[in-house]
Amino acid sequence: MGKIKLSISNIDGTTQNIEVEGSRSQPFTGRKIGDEIEGTILDMPDIKFQITGGSDKDGFPMRPDVHGGIRKRILLSSGTGFNQKAKGERRRKMIRGNTITDDIVHINLKTLTNIKK
């Protein structure tokens, strides 16, 4: 697995960006949106993170309601990856499933415990 950019949203509203690569990115493979991760993976003990989303190498967003790590065209009327332009509009859009694979380059995380400074 290559480089992964992690955007970590803290409880106080700040965001921290971290890049991991090589063996440090392996623990994320196979995880799904909504899974909790221990902070020891990122050298931040006593902190738990939750995966909230991400995007693949071509910029397609991950959606929690599409199972697996596949890229798929689905009919959307709201939610991640869709901006409604007219009331009642639905469009078929390309999105990525909820499982992290080798094609994922960006992962969004949120902290579940407060970071001590």
Protein backbone atom coordinates (compact mmCIF):
# COMPACT_ATOMS: atom_id res chain seq x y z
CA MET A 1 0.00 0.00 0.00
CA GLY A 2 1.29 3.47 -0.84
CA LYS A 3 0.81 6.86 0.78
CA ILE A 4 -2.39 7.72 2.61
CA LYS A 5 -3.36 11.20 3.75
CA LEU A 6 -5.31 11.28 7.00
CA SER A 7 -7.52 14.22 7.95
CA ILE A 8 -8.22 14.00 11.67
CA SER A 9 -11.05 16.15 13.04
CA ASN A 10 -10.61 16.93 16.71
CA ILE A 11 -13.36 17.51 19.24
CA ASP A 12 -12.43 21.20 19.55
CA GLY A 13 -13.09 21.79 15.83
CA THR A 14 -9.52 21.77 14.57
CA THR A 15 -8.20 19.46 11.86
CA GLN A 16 -4.86 17.73 11.74
CA ASN A 17 -3.38 16.34 8.50
CA ILE A 18 -0.98 13.40 8.63
CA GLU A 19 0.65 11.36 5.86
CA VAL A 20 1.43 7.70 6.44
CA GLU A 21 3.04 5.27 4.04
CA GLY A 22 4.36 1.75 3.83
CA SER A 23 3.83 -0.50 6.82
CA ARG A 24 2.12 2.30 8.82
CA SER A 25 -0.74 2.36 6.30
CA GLN A 26 -1.38 -1.42 6.40
CA PRO A 27 -3.65 -1.39 9.52
CA PHE A 28 -6.22 0.68 7.59
CA THR A 29 -6.68 -1.87 4.78
CA GLY A 30 -9.93 -3.78 5.12
CA ARG A 31 -11.50 -1.35 7.59
CA LYS A 32 -14.92 0.15 6.88
CA ILE A 33 -16.55 3.52 7.41
CA GLY A 34 -17.71 3.64 11.03
CA ASP A 35 -14.95 1.36 12.38
CA GLU A 36 -12.99 2.53 15.41
CA ILE A 37 -9.18 2.56 15.35
CA GLU A 38 -6.75 2.72 18.25
CA GLY A 39 -4.41 5.73 18.30
CA THR A 40 -1.33 3.58 18.82
CA ILE A 41 -1.31 2.99 15.04
CA LEU A 42 -0.57 6.71 14.58
CA ASP A 43 1.71 7.05 17.63
CA MET A 44 -1.10 8.73 19.59
CA PRO A 45 -1.82 6.45 22.56
CA ASP A 46 -4.99 6.89 24.65
CA ILE A 47 -6.90 8.25 21.64
CA LYS A 48 -9.55 6.44 19.61
CA PHE A 49 -10.51 7.41 16.06
CA GLN A 50 -13.54 6.64 13.93
CA ILE A 51 -13.41 6.40 10.12
CA THR A 52 -15.95 8.81 8.62
CA GLY A 53 -15.08 8.65 4.91
CA GLY A 54 -12.41 9.08 2.29
CA SER A 55 -11.70 9.14 -1.42
CA ASP A 56 -9.81 7.04 -3.95
CA LYS A 57 -6.91 7.85 -6.28
CA ASP A 58 -9.26 9.41 -8.86
CA GLY A 59 -11.18 11.53 -6.35
CA PHE A 60 -14.36 9.45 -6.07
CA PRO A 61 -15.83 9.63 -2.54
CA MET A 62 -16.51 6.66 -0.28
CA ARG A 63 -20.11 6.05 0.78
CA PRO A 64 -21.15 4.08 3.86
CA ASP A 65 -24.23 2.56 2.17
CA VAL A 66 -22.29 0.84 -0.67
CA HIS A 67 -20.69 -2.37 0.57
CA GLY A 68 -17.21 -3.53 -0.40
CA GLY A 69 -14.22 -1.73 -1.85
CA ILE A 70 -15.55 -1.45 -5.39
CA ARG A 71 -16.17 1.57 -7.58
CA LYS A 72 -19.76 1.61 -8.76
CA ARG A 73 -22.30 3.83 -10.51
CA ILE A 74 -25.41 4.28 -8.38
CA LEU A 75 -28.53 6.44 -8.60
CA LEU A 76 -28.30 9.22 -6.01
CA SER A 77 -30.81 11.74 -4.77
CA SER A 78 -28.86 13.06 -1.75
CA GLY A 79 -25.82 12.49 0.43
CA THR A 80 -22.09 12.17 -0.14
CA GLY A 81 -20.98 12.67 -3.74
CA PHE A 82 -24.16 14.41 -4.93
CA ASN A 83 -25.09 18.09 -5.18
CA GLN A 84 -28.76 18.54 -6.02
CA LYS A 85 -29.40 21.29 -8.59
CA ALA A 86 -33.17 21.00 -8.86
CA LYS A 87 -35.81 19.76 -6.42
CA GLY A 88 -36.41 16.04 -6.83
CA GLU A 89 -33.39 15.55 -9.09
CA ARG A 90 -31.68 12.16 -9.19
CA ARG A 91 -28.48 11.32 -11.05
CA ARG A 92 -26.31 8.28 -11.60
CA LYS A 93 -22.87 9.00 -10.11
CA MET A 94 -19.65 7.04 -9.71
CA ILE A 95 -18.72 6.42 -6.07
CA ARG A 96 -16.50 4.10 -4.02
CA GLY A 97 -17.69 1.49 -1.49
CA ASN A 98 -17.27 1.67 2.28
CA THR A 99 -14.19 -0.57 2.61
CA ILE A 100 -10.62 0.78 2.50
CA THR A 101 -8.53 -0.84 -0.25
CA ASP A 102 -5.16 -0.10 -1.88
CA ASP A 103 -6.85 2.46 -4.17
CA ILE A 104 -7.84 4.75 -1.28
CA VAL A 105 -5.49 7.74 -0.88
CA HIS A 106 -7.40 9.94 1.58
CA ILE A 107 -9.17 8.93 4.81
CA ASN A 108 -11.24 11.15 7.10
CA LEU A 109 -11.10 10.36 10.82
CA LYS A 110 -12.70 11.92 13.87
CA THR A 111 -11.42 11.70 17.42
CA LEU A 112 -13.65 9.99 19.96
CA THR A 113 -11.57 11.08 22.96
CA ASN A 114 -10.10 14.48 23.71
CA ILE A 115 -6.47 15.12 22.74
CA LYS A 116 -4.37 16.27 25.68
CA LYS A 117 -1.79 18.96 24.93
